Amino acid sequence: MPVQSTSPDYDRHLPEWQLMDAALEGEEAIKANACNLPKPSGMVEAEKQDGAGNRYLYENYTARAQYEHWVRDSLRSMMGLVSRLQPEIELPAGMKGLLDNATADGFGLKQLFFRLVRQIISHGRIPLVANIDDNGLPYFSTYSAVNAINWKVASQSGRQDLVLAVFREFREKDGNDEFTHECEPVYRVFTMRDGGCYSSVWNDSGDVVDNEMPLGTTGADQRLVRGLEYIPVVYCGSTDNGPDVDEVPLLSMARAALKSYQLSADYFTALHQTSHPQPWVSGLDEEVDLSVTGPSAAWDLGPSGSCGYLEFQGAGIEAVRKAMDDQRNAALEAGAKVMDIGGIESGEARKARQNDQHATLHSMVITAAEGLEQGLRYLADWLGFDEKQVSFTVKPEFTSVGVDPQMAAQLLTAAQAGIVSHDSFWQYLSTGKLPDRDWQAELELIQEQGPALGGLGFEGLNDGDRQ
């Protein structure tokens, strides 16, 4: 099979990762994929009759649709919480340089930890590869979920361990000038052979770009620092750090946002149509020029002609708006579930409540820290240091921001009812404080985000209540 072959697990989850990529990139990426907004049957039939002439119908339909950036906003809020955490790091003296220079692009362990958490939240998975550069110095590489295309686990010395890992990379094409950004894909392969880990790089044509050598071979003299009896790759996930693909924590929110986008196309198209009544004419004995309309024009319909306006009643508009509200509430609930950062309950009670193994911010911080610690132990073993001197721990104490679980639950209910804005709900979860703005500004923000579910809002409050 070619080097581009993919794992069956990868194939099953690729559409989810692609949806998350588009959700985080925003409305332009969502609209760029026509599959995200199916054409109504009427537009399909119209394009069958005149594809070029009637293309504008779907283009206008898409242009009116609105994609809500709930996923991107939630990720930003969660990373705001994570950025307050302070990792506790212990390393042998010979590995202290990793504190400030741990990644291929020169960032330290703390920034690497944040990268791991961010990708776990958004995609549920990020491979972490321990390696040694040409100078014999240790560093880590990371890959996105969509570029970790293949992996395989098999029995090694009586244990199930990784025997293959393939990652897609992008390199500048040969002969490019200094201003071009054109790249071509290559594939970095880690495999177990004769009890040792080997690395090689291949191109799309199946040709070897970098010859297969024992991992750890460095420098122009091809010096082997030390071979490894395992592949130093950790697949950091949302629930554990095994090679199997974990759930994508924000996938439910992304799907709700996509469904809201699809509903908004119908909603805003219906609003457009109901605001533009269609004139009709009947009973004319001969052809009459009726191309000009408006308050400055008059039609001569003759003795038997009649005219009027066909106005859309819009009976289904309210149902579509209600469906959009339902998707907004589903997104809020999905975000709140992932944001579950604990409260005053005991550890055992919390463990029992999370027994369904859904990914929470708490669990993702723990798995990211454990994955990074495992990678550091790989490097310590590789470089000949004592693994017991390596430690990377993070206490996910999010409650230090002063978030009251009961208040958060009440704000979630209020946000679903349209009594407070969604921005206020997320800001409270991020900072433990409500935003400093008056009721008028809050009302305007609610109106910008859409009508309240069930008609609830500030209308029933007098000025004293608002203050």
Protein backbone atom coordinates (compact mmCIF):
# COMPACT_ATOMS: atom_id res chain seq x y z
CA MET A 1 0.00 0.00 0.00
CA PRO A 2 1.22 3.57 -0.65
CA VAL A 3 2.63 5.76 2.09
CA GLN A 4 -0.50 7.97 1.87
CA SER A 5 -2.65 5.10 3.17
CA THR A 6 -4.81 6.14 6.10
CA SER A 7 -6.05 4.38 9.20
CA PRO A 8 -9.71 3.29 9.13
CA ASP A 9 -10.17 5.23 12.38
CA TYR A 10 -8.77 8.31 10.64
CA ASP A 11 -11.22 7.94 7.77
CA ARG A 12 -14.17 7.72 10.15
CA HIS A 13 -13.25 10.88 12.05
CA LEU A 14 -11.84 13.04 9.25
CA PRO A 15 -15.22 14.72 8.50
CA GLU A 16 -15.49 15.74 12.17
CA TRP A 17 -12.02 17.33 12.16
CA GLN A 18 -12.75 19.12 8.88
CA LEU A 19 -15.97 20.52 10.34
CA MET A 20 -14.04 21.76 13.39
CA ASP A 21 -11.42 23.40 11.14
CA ALA A 22 -14.15 25.26 9.26
CA ALA A 23 -16.03 26.15 12.46
CA LEU A 24 -12.93 27.75 13.95
CA GLU A 25 -11.99 29.55 10.73
CA GLY A 26 -15.43 31.14 10.59
CA GLU A 27 -18.26 32.02 8.24
CA GLU A 28 -16.16 32.27 5.06
CA ALA A 29 -14.88 28.70 5.48
CA ILE A 30 -18.38 27.38 6.22
CA LYS A 31 -19.84 29.10 3.15
CA ALA A 32 -16.96 27.94 0.94
CA ASN A 33 -18.23 24.35 1.24
CA ALA A 34 -21.59 24.10 -0.57
CA CYS A 35 -22.28 20.79 1.20
CA ASN A 36 -22.84 22.76 4.42
CA LEU A 37 -25.96 24.38 2.90
CA PRO A 38 -27.94 22.04 0.61
CA LYS A 39 -29.84 23.66 -2.24
CA PRO A 40 -33.64 23.75 -1.88
CA SER A 41 -35.41 21.61 -4.49
CA GLY A 42 -36.82 24.67 -6.24
CA MET A 43 -33.32 26.05 -6.86
CA VAL A 44 -32.16 22.66 -8.11
CA GLU A 45 -34.96 22.59 -10.68
CA ALA A 46 -34.34 26.21 -11.67
CA GLU A 47 -30.68 25.49 -12.37
CA LYS A 48 -31.66 22.47 -14.47
CA GLN A 49 -33.55 24.85 -16.77
CA ASP A 50 -30.88 27.56 -16.85
CA GLY A 51 -27.79 26.86 -14.79
CA ALA A 52 -25.94 30.08 -15.46
CA GLY A 53 -28.98 32.35 -15.42
CA ASN A 54 -30.44 30.99 -12.18
CA ARG A 55 -27.21 30.54 -10.25
CA TYR A 56 -27.92 33.81 -8.45
CA LEU A 57 -30.80 32.18 -6.53
CA TYR A 58 -28.46 29.93 -4.50
CA GLU A 59 -25.79 32.62 -4.27
CA ASN A 60 -28.29 35.02 -2.67
CA TYR A 61 -29.62 32.22 -0.46
CA THR A 62 -26.09 31.54 0.82
CA ALA A 63 -25.21 35.23 1.21
CA ARG A 64 -28.20 35.80 3.54
CA ALA A 65 -27.31 32.84 5.78
CA GLN A 66 -25.52 33.68 9.03
CA TYR A 67 -23.00 31.47 10.80
CA GLU A 68 -22.61 32.03 14.54
CA HIS A 69 -19.06 31.82 15.92
CA TRP A 70 -20.04 29.94 19.06
CA VAL A 71 -17.20 27.42 18.72
CA ARG A 72 -14.48 30.03 18.34
CA ASP A 73 -15.85 32.10 21.23
CA SER A 74 -16.08 29.04 23.50
CA LEU A 75 -12.54 27.97 22.68
CA ARG A 76 -11.29 31.45 23.50
CA SER A 77 -13.13 31.42 26.83
CA MET A 78 -11.77 28.00 27.77
CA MET A 79 -8.22 28.93 26.86
CA GLY A 80 -8.65 32.04 28.98
CA LEU A 81 -9.24 29.75 31.94
CA VAL A 82 -6.34 27.45 31.04
CA SER A 83 -3.92 30.37 30.63
CA ARG A 84 -4.20 31.04 34.38
CA LEU A 85 -2.86 27.61 35.27
CA GLN A 86 0.76 27.31 36.37
CA PRO A 87 2.45 23.99 35.52
CA GLU A 88 4.82 22.50 38.09
CA ILE A 89 7.88 21.23 36.21
CA GLU A 90 10.83 19.19 37.41
CA LEU A 91 13.64 18.23 35.02
CA PRO A 92 17.19 16.88 35.26
CA ALA A 93 19.85 19.58 34.93
CA GLY A 94 20.70 18.41 31.41
CA MET A 95 17.11 18.99 30.23
CA LYS A 96 16.53 22.44 31.75
CA GLY A 97 16.87 24.03 28.33
CA LEU A 98 13.44 22.65 27.43
CA LEU A 99 11.82 25.12 29.82
CA ASP A 100 12.44 27.90 27.30
CA ASN A 101 13.10 25.97 24.09
CA ALA A 102 10.97 22.84 23.77
CA THR A 103 9.35 23.08 20.32
CA ALA A 104 10.60 23.00 16.74
CA ASP A 105 9.84 26.73 16.49
CA GLY A 106 11.58 27.68 19.74
CA PHE A 107 8.85 27.97 22.40
CA GLY A 108 9.01 26.63 25.96
CA LEU A 109 7.15 23.86 27.76
CA LYS A 110 4.38 26.11 29.08
CA GLN A 111 3.46 27.32 25.58
CA LEU A 112 3.64 23.74 24.33
CA PHE A 113 1.20 22.72 27.06
CA PHE A 114 -1.25 25.43 25.97
CA ARG A 115 -0.99 24.23 22.37
CA LEU A 116 -1.80 20.70 23.44
CA VAL A 117 -4.85 21.78 25.42
CA ARG A 118 -6.12 24.00 22.60
CA GLN A 119 -5.97 21.21 20.01
CA ILE A 120 -7.50 18.71 22.41
CA ILE A 121 -10.43 21.06 23.04
CA SER A 122 -10.97 21.83 19.36
CA HIS A 123 -10.18 18.45 17.77
CA GLY A 124 -9.97 15.94 20.63
CA ARG A 125 -6.48 14.85 19.59
CA ILE A 126 -2.90 16.09 19.03
CA PRO A 127 0.12 13.82 18.44
CA LEU A 128 3.26 14.79 20.37
CA VAL A 129 6.57 13.52 18.98
CA ALA A 130 9.80 13.53 21.01
CA ASN A 131 12.89 14.01 18.86
CA ILE A 132 16.53 15.15 18.78
CA ASP A 133 17.85 17.78 16.36
CA ASP A 134 21.09 17.71 14.35
CA ASN A 135 22.98 19.13 17.33
CA GLY A 136 21.75 16.34 19.60
CA LEU A 137 19.37 18.65 21.50
CA PRO A 138 15.90 17.40 22.46
CA TYR A 139 12.68 19.01 21.22
CA PHE A 140 9.02 18.20 20.51
CA SER A 141 7.02 18.27 17.29
CA THR A 142 3.23 18.37 17.15
CA TYR A 143 0.85 17.56 14.29
CA SER A 144 -2.77 18.44 13.69
CA ALA A 145 -5.31 15.63 13.81
CA VAL A 146 -5.85 15.76 10.02
CA ASN A 147 -2.10 15.34 9.38
CA ALA A 148 -1.68 12.28 11.61
CA ILE A 149 -2.91 9.99 8.86
CA ASN A 150 -1.92 6.49 9.93
CA TRP A 151 -0.90 4.49 12.99
CA LYS A 152 -0.83 0.87 14.04
CA VAL A 153 -0.58 -0.96 17.35
CA ALA A 154 0.80 -4.50 17.69
CA SER A 155 2.36 -6.80 20.27
CA GLN A 156 5.84 -5.70 21.37
CA SER A 157 7.62 -7.75 24.05
CA GLY A 158 4.27 -9.04 25.25
CA ARG A 159 2.60 -5.60 25.32
CA GLN A 160 0.42 -3.72 22.88
CA ASP A 161 2.53 -0.83 21.64
CA LEU A 162 2.80 1.55 18.70
CA VAL A 163 4.61 0.00 15.69
CA LEU A 164 3.75 2.56 12.98
CA ALA A 165 3.07 6.31 12.92
CA VAL A 166 2.76 8.36 9.72
CA PHE A 167 2.49 12.15 9.63
CA ARG A 168 1.91 14.47 6.68
CA GLU A 169 4.21 17.49 6.48
CA PHE A 170 4.58 20.28 3.93
CA ARG A 171 7.86 21.44 2.42
CA GLU A 172 8.63 24.21 -0.04
CA LYS A 173 9.05 23.00 -3.58
CA ASP A 174 12.55 22.91 -4.98
CA GLY A 175 13.40 25.97 -7.03
CA ASN A 176 10.89 28.24 -5.31
CA ASP A 177 11.84 31.89 -5.11
CA GLU A 178 11.96 33.62 -1.74
CA PHE A 179 8.49 35.12 -2.07
CA THR A 180 6.43 32.07 -2.98
CA HIS A 181 4.46 29.98 -0.49
CA GLU A 182 3.90 26.94 -2.69
CA CYS A 183 4.47 23.68 -0.84
CA GLU A 184 4.20 19.97 -1.51
CA PRO A 185 3.26 17.20 0.93
CA VAL A 186 5.77 14.70 2.30
CA TYR A 187 5.19 11.88 4.76
CA ARG A 188 7.31 11.24 7.84
CA VAL A 189 7.21 7.58 8.81
CA PHE A 190 8.14 6.13 12.19
CA THR A 191 8.26 2.35 12.25
CA MET A 192 9.61 -0.46 14.39
CA ARG A 193 12.16 -2.68 12.71
CA ASP A 194 14.45 -5.30 14.31
CA GLY A 195 13.52 -4.07 17.79
CA GLY A 196 14.40 -0.43 17.06
CA CYS A 197 12.62 2.72 15.91
CA TYR A 198 13.41 3.93 12.39
CA SER A 199 12.45 7.18 10.66
CA SER A 200 12.15 8.09 6.97
CA VAL A 201 10.46 10.68 4.74
CA TRP A 202 8.59 9.92 1.49
CA ASN A 203 6.89 12.04 -1.15
CA ASP A 204 3.54 11.68 -2.91
CA SER A 205 5.11 9.61 -5.68
CA GLY A 206 6.37 7.02 -3.23
CA ASP A 207 10.01 8.07 -3.57
CA VAL A 208 12.26 8.31 -0.52
CA VAL A 209 13.18 11.90 0.33
CA ASP A 210 15.14 11.16 3.52
CA ASN A 211 16.57 7.65 3.79
CA GLU A 212 15.43 5.38 6.58
CA MET A 213 17.74 5.58 9.59
CA PRO A 214 17.52 4.74 13.27
CA LEU A 215 15.74 7.54 15.09
CA GLY A 216 18.35 9.64 16.87
CA THR A 217 20.81 9.76 13.97
CA THR A 218 22.02 13.36 13.84
CA GLY A 219 24.44 15.71 12.13
CA ALA A 220 26.29 15.54 8.84
CA ASP A 221 28.33 12.60 10.14
CA GLN A 222 25.12 10.57 10.70
CA ARG A 223 26.03 10.03 14.36
CA LEU A 224 23.58 7.91 16.32
CA VAL A 225 22.95 9.42 19.78
CA ARG A 226 21.16 6.32 20.93
CA GLY A 227 18.57 4.06 19.36
CA LEU A 228 15.09 3.62 20.84
CA GLU A 229 13.17 0.40 21.41
CA TYR A 230 9.83 2.21 20.96
CA ILE A 231 8.25 4.97 18.89
CA PRO A 232 8.37 8.19 21.00
CA VAL A 233 4.90 9.42 20.03
CA VAL A 234 2.09 10.30 22.44
CA TYR A 235 -1.41 10.82 21.04
CA CYS A 236 -2.74 13.32 23.56
CA GLY A 237 -6.54 13.00 23.64
CA SER A 238 -9.61 14.41 25.31
CA THR A 239 -10.17 11.41 27.59
CA ASP A 240 -6.87 9.49 27.48
CA ASN A 241 -3.52 9.40 25.66
CA GLY A 242 -3.90 6.18 23.69
CA PRO A 243 -3.63 5.99 19.88
CA ASP A 244 -7.39 5.48 19.51
CA VAL A 245 -9.33 8.59 18.51
CA ASP A 246 -11.19 10.30 21.36
CA GLU A 247 -14.36 12.37 21.12
CA VAL A 248 -14.17 15.95 19.88
CA PRO A 249 -15.32 18.03 22.87
CA LEU A 250 -16.87 20.92 20.91
CA LEU A 251 -18.33 18.81 18.10
CA SER A 252 -21.90 19.06 19.43
CA MET A 253 -21.57 22.84 19.52
CA ALA A 254 -20.16 22.92 15.98
CA ARG A 255 -23.04 20.81 14.70
CA ALA A 256 -25.56 23.05 16.43
CA ALA A 257 -23.90 26.11 14.88
CA LEU A 258 -24.00 24.46 11.45
CA LYS A 259 -27.69 23.59 11.83
CA SER A 260 -28.41 27.14 12.95
CA TYR A 261 -26.57 28.37 9.83
CA GLN A 262 -28.76 26.19 7.61
CA LEU A 263 -31.93 27.37 9.34
CA SER A 264 -30.83 30.99 9.09
CA ALA A 265 -30.69 30.69 5.30
CA ASP A 266 -34.42 29.86 5.26
CA TYR A 267 -35.20 32.41 7.96
CA PHE A 268 -33.53 35.40 6.35
CA THR A 269 -34.72 34.41 2.88
CA ALA A 270 -38.28 34.29 4.20
CA LEU A 271 -37.87 37.69 5.82
CA HIS A 272 -36.54 39.06 2.54
CA GLN A 273 -39.44 37.65 0.58
CA THR A 274 -42.14 38.83 2.98
CA SER A 275 -40.76 42.36 2.78
CA HIS A 276 -41.07 42.42 -1.03
CA PRO A 277 -44.70 41.76 -2.14
CA GLN A 278 -45.12 40.46 -5.69
CA PRO A 279 -47.49 42.45 -7.97
CA TRP A 280 -49.96 40.53 -10.14
CA VAL A 281 -52.12 41.55 -13.11
CA SER A 282 -55.01 39.77 -14.87
CA GLY A 283 -57.77 40.37 -17.39
CA LEU A 284 -55.75 42.41 -19.94
CA ASP A 285 -57.08 42.26 -23.51
CA GLU A 286 -53.75 43.23 -25.09
CA GLU A 287 -50.08 43.40 -24.14
CA VAL A 288 -49.34 46.39 -21.90
CA ASP A 289 -45.94 47.58 -20.71
CA LEU A 290 -45.99 47.06 -16.94
CA SER A 291 -42.23 47.08 -16.40
CA VAL A 292 -42.30 50.34 -14.40
CA THR A 293 -43.79 50.31 -10.90
CA GLY A 294 -43.72 52.55 -7.87
CA PRO A 295 -45.38 55.68 -6.47
CA SER A 296 -44.52 57.75 -9.58
CA ALA A 297 -45.98 55.29 -12.11
CA ALA A 298 -49.55 54.37 -13.09
CA TRP A 299 -50.82 51.34 -15.01
CA ASP A 300 -53.66 51.54 -17.52
CA LEU A 301 -55.34 48.15 -17.24
CA GLY A 302 -58.31 48.89 -19.47
CA PRO A 303 -61.95 48.17 -18.66
CA SER A 304 -61.48 44.49 -17.70
CA GLY A 305 -58.03 44.42 -16.10
CA SER A 306 -57.27 44.10 -12.39
CA CYS A 307 -54.16 43.98 -10.25
CA GLY A 308 -52.98 43.47 -6.70
CA TYR A 309 -50.10 42.19 -4.57
CA LEU A 310 -49.26 38.66 -3.52
CA GLU A 311 -47.93 38.93 0.00
CA PHE A 312 -46.26 36.05 1.77
CA GLN A 313 -48.00 35.23 5.00
CA GLY A 314 -44.84 33.83 6.57
CA ALA A 315 -46.64 31.29 8.71
CA GLY A 316 -43.53 29.12 8.97
CA ILE A 317 -41.09 31.90 9.86
CA GLU A 318 -41.80 31.69 13.57
CA ALA A 319 -41.21 27.93 13.54
CA VAL A 320 -37.83 28.43 11.85
CA ARG A 321 -36.89 31.13 14.37
CA LYS A 322 -37.87 28.79 17.21
CA ALA A 323 -35.69 26.05 15.69
CA MET A 324 -32.77 28.50 15.55
CA ASP A 325 -33.31 29.28 19.25
CA ASP A 326 -33.27 25.56 19.99
CA GLN A 327 -29.90 25.20 18.26
CA ARG A 328 -28.53 28.17 20.19
CA ASN A 329 -29.63 26.58 23.46
CA ALA A 330 -28.16 23.23 22.43
CA ALA A 331 -24.85 24.97 21.74
CA LEU A 332 -24.92 26.71 25.13
CA GLU A 333 -25.62 23.43 26.91
CA ALA A 334 -22.86 21.62 24.99
CA GLY A 335 -20.39 24.37 25.87
CA ALA A 336 -21.41 24.34 29.52
CA LYS A 337 -20.92 20.57 29.66
CA VAL A 338 -17.39 20.81 28.28
CA MET A 339 -16.69 23.83 30.51
CA ASP A 340 -17.61 21.73 33.56
CA ILE A 341 -14.88 22.96 35.88
CA GLY A 342 -16.19 21.64 39.14
CA GLY A 343 -17.45 23.29 42.26
CA ILE A 344 -17.77 22.35 45.87
CA GLU A 345 -18.63 18.69 45.35
CA SER A 346 -16.25 15.97 46.50
CA GLY A 347 -13.87 14.22 44.17
CA GLU A 348 -15.83 10.96 44.36
CA ALA A 349 -19.12 12.71 43.60
CA ARG A 350 -17.53 14.47 40.68
CA LYS A 351 -16.04 11.23 39.39
CA ALA A 352 -19.42 9.50 39.59
CA ARG A 353 -21.16 12.35 37.77
CA GLN A 354 -18.59 12.26 34.97
CA ASN A 355 -18.75 8.50 34.69
CA ASP A 356 -19.99 8.74 31.08
CA GLN A 357 -16.42 9.70 30.09
CA HIS A 358 -17.42 12.86 28.28
CA ALA A 359 -14.52 15.25 27.86
CA THR A 360 -14.43 18.23 30.19
CA LEU A 361 -11.94 21.03 30.51
CA HIS A 362 -10.77 19.39 33.75
CA SER A 363 -10.07 16.04 32.07
CA MET A 364 -8.42 17.63 29.04
CA VAL A 365 -5.96 19.60 31.16
CA ILE A 366 -5.06 16.41 33.02
CA THR A 367 -4.52 14.34 29.85
CA ALA A 368 -2.47 17.11 28.21
CA ALA A 369 -0.20 17.35 31.26
CA GLU A 370 0.18 13.58 31.47
CA GLY A 371 0.92 13.34 27.75
CA LEU A 372 3.60 16.00 27.97
CA GLU A 373 5.10 14.32 31.02
CA GLN A 374 5.26 11.03 29.11
CA GLY A 375 7.02 12.79 26.23
CA LEU A 376 9.55 14.29 28.66
CA ARG A 377 10.21 10.83 30.08
CA TYR A 378 10.85 9.53 26.57
CA LEU A 379 13.48 12.26 26.14
CA ALA A 380 15.02 11.55 29.54
CA ASP A 381 15.34 7.86 28.72
CA TRP A 382 16.74 8.70 25.29
CA LEU A 383 19.37 11.08 26.68
CA GLY A 384 20.35 8.80 29.57
CA PHE A 385 18.76 10.74 32.44
CA ASP A 386 16.74 9.34 35.32
CA GLU A 387 13.04 9.32 34.36
CA LYS A 388 12.10 9.67 38.02
CA GLN A 389 13.53 13.20 37.97
CA VAL A 390 10.96 14.22 35.35
CA SER A 391 7.60 15.65 36.39
CA PHE A 392 5.06 17.87 34.64
CA THR A 393 1.86 18.40 36.62
CA VAL A 394 -0.95 20.94 36.47
CA LYS A 395 -3.65 21.47 39.07
CA PRO A 396 -6.82 22.41 37.16
CA GLU A 397 -8.13 24.73 39.89
CA PHE A 398 -10.45 26.80 37.73
CA THR A 399 -12.61 27.80 40.68
CA SER A 400 -9.91 30.26 41.70
CA VAL A 401 -11.55 32.74 39.33
CA GLY A 402 -14.58 32.79 41.67
CA VAL A 403 -17.13 30.96 39.53
CA ASP A 404 -20.18 29.97 41.58
CA PRO A 405 -21.71 26.79 40.08
CA GLN A 406 -25.24 27.84 41.11
CA MET A 407 -24.78 31.29 39.61
CA ALA A 408 -23.39 29.74 36.41
CA ALA A 409 -26.43 27.46 36.16
CA GLN A 410 -28.81 30.39 36.68
CA LEU A 411 -26.99 32.44 34.04
CA LEU A 412 -27.19 29.52 31.60
CA THR A 413 -30.97 29.37 32.12
CA ALA A 414 -31.24 33.15 31.75
CA ALA A 415 -29.16 33.10 28.56
CA GLN A 416 -31.38 30.38 27.10
CA ALA A 417 -34.46 32.47 27.97
CA GLY A 418 -33.00 35.63 26.45
CA ILE A 419 -32.94 37.50 29.77
CA VAL A 420 -29.16 37.98 29.72
CA SER A 421 -26.79 37.91 26.76
CA HIS A 422 -24.69 34.89 25.87
CA ASP A 423 -21.64 37.12 26.13
CA SER A 424 -22.41 37.77 29.80
CA PHE A 425 -22.73 34.02 30.42
CA TRP A 426 -19.35 33.22 28.83
CA GLN A 427 -17.62 36.17 30.47
CA TYR A 428 -18.79 35.02 33.91
CA LEU A 429 -17.41 31.52 33.28
CA SER A 430 -14.11 33.02 32.11
CA THR A 431 -13.57 35.62 34.81
CA GLY A 432 -15.99 34.86 37.64
CA LYS A 433 -17.44 38.36 37.19
CA LEU A 434 -20.37 39.82 35.29
CA PRO A 435 -19.53 42.51 32.73
CA ASP A 436 -19.75 46.13 33.85
CA ARG A 437 -22.48 47.52 31.58
CA ASP A 438 -25.93 49.04 32.13
CA TRP A 439 -29.24 47.40 31.28
CA GLN A 440 -29.58 49.32 28.02
CA ALA A 441 -26.28 48.00 26.68
CA GLU A 442 -27.21 44.49 27.80
CA LEU A 443 -30.58 44.75 26.05
CA GLU A 444 -28.94 45.90 22.83
CA LEU A 445 -26.54 42.96 23.01
CA ILE A 446 -29.45 40.54 23.50
CA GLN A 447 -31.24 42.01 20.48
CA GLU A 448 -28.10 41.65 18.36
CA GLN A 449 -27.85 37.98 19.29
CA GLY A 450 -31.46 37.23 18.40
CA PRO A 451 -34.93 37.21 19.96
CA ALA A 452 -35.44 35.65 23.35
CA LEU A 453 -36.81 32.14 23.64
CA GLY A 454 -40.42 32.19 24.71
CA GLY A 455 -40.66 35.98 24.43
CA LEU A 456 -38.89 36.60 27.74
CA GLY A 457 -36.70 39.65 28.11
CA PHE A 458 -36.51 43.06 29.72
CA GLU A 459 -39.92 44.18 28.47
CA GLY A 460 -41.65 43.35 31.73
CA LEU A 461 -39.21 45.26 33.93
CA ASN A 462 -39.63 48.81 35.08
CA ASP A 463 -36.71 51.22 35.39
CA GLY A 464 -36.20 50.40 39.06
CA ASP A 465 -35.97 46.68 38.35
CA ARG A 466 -33.51 47.29 35.53
CA GLN A 467 -31.20 49.23 37.78
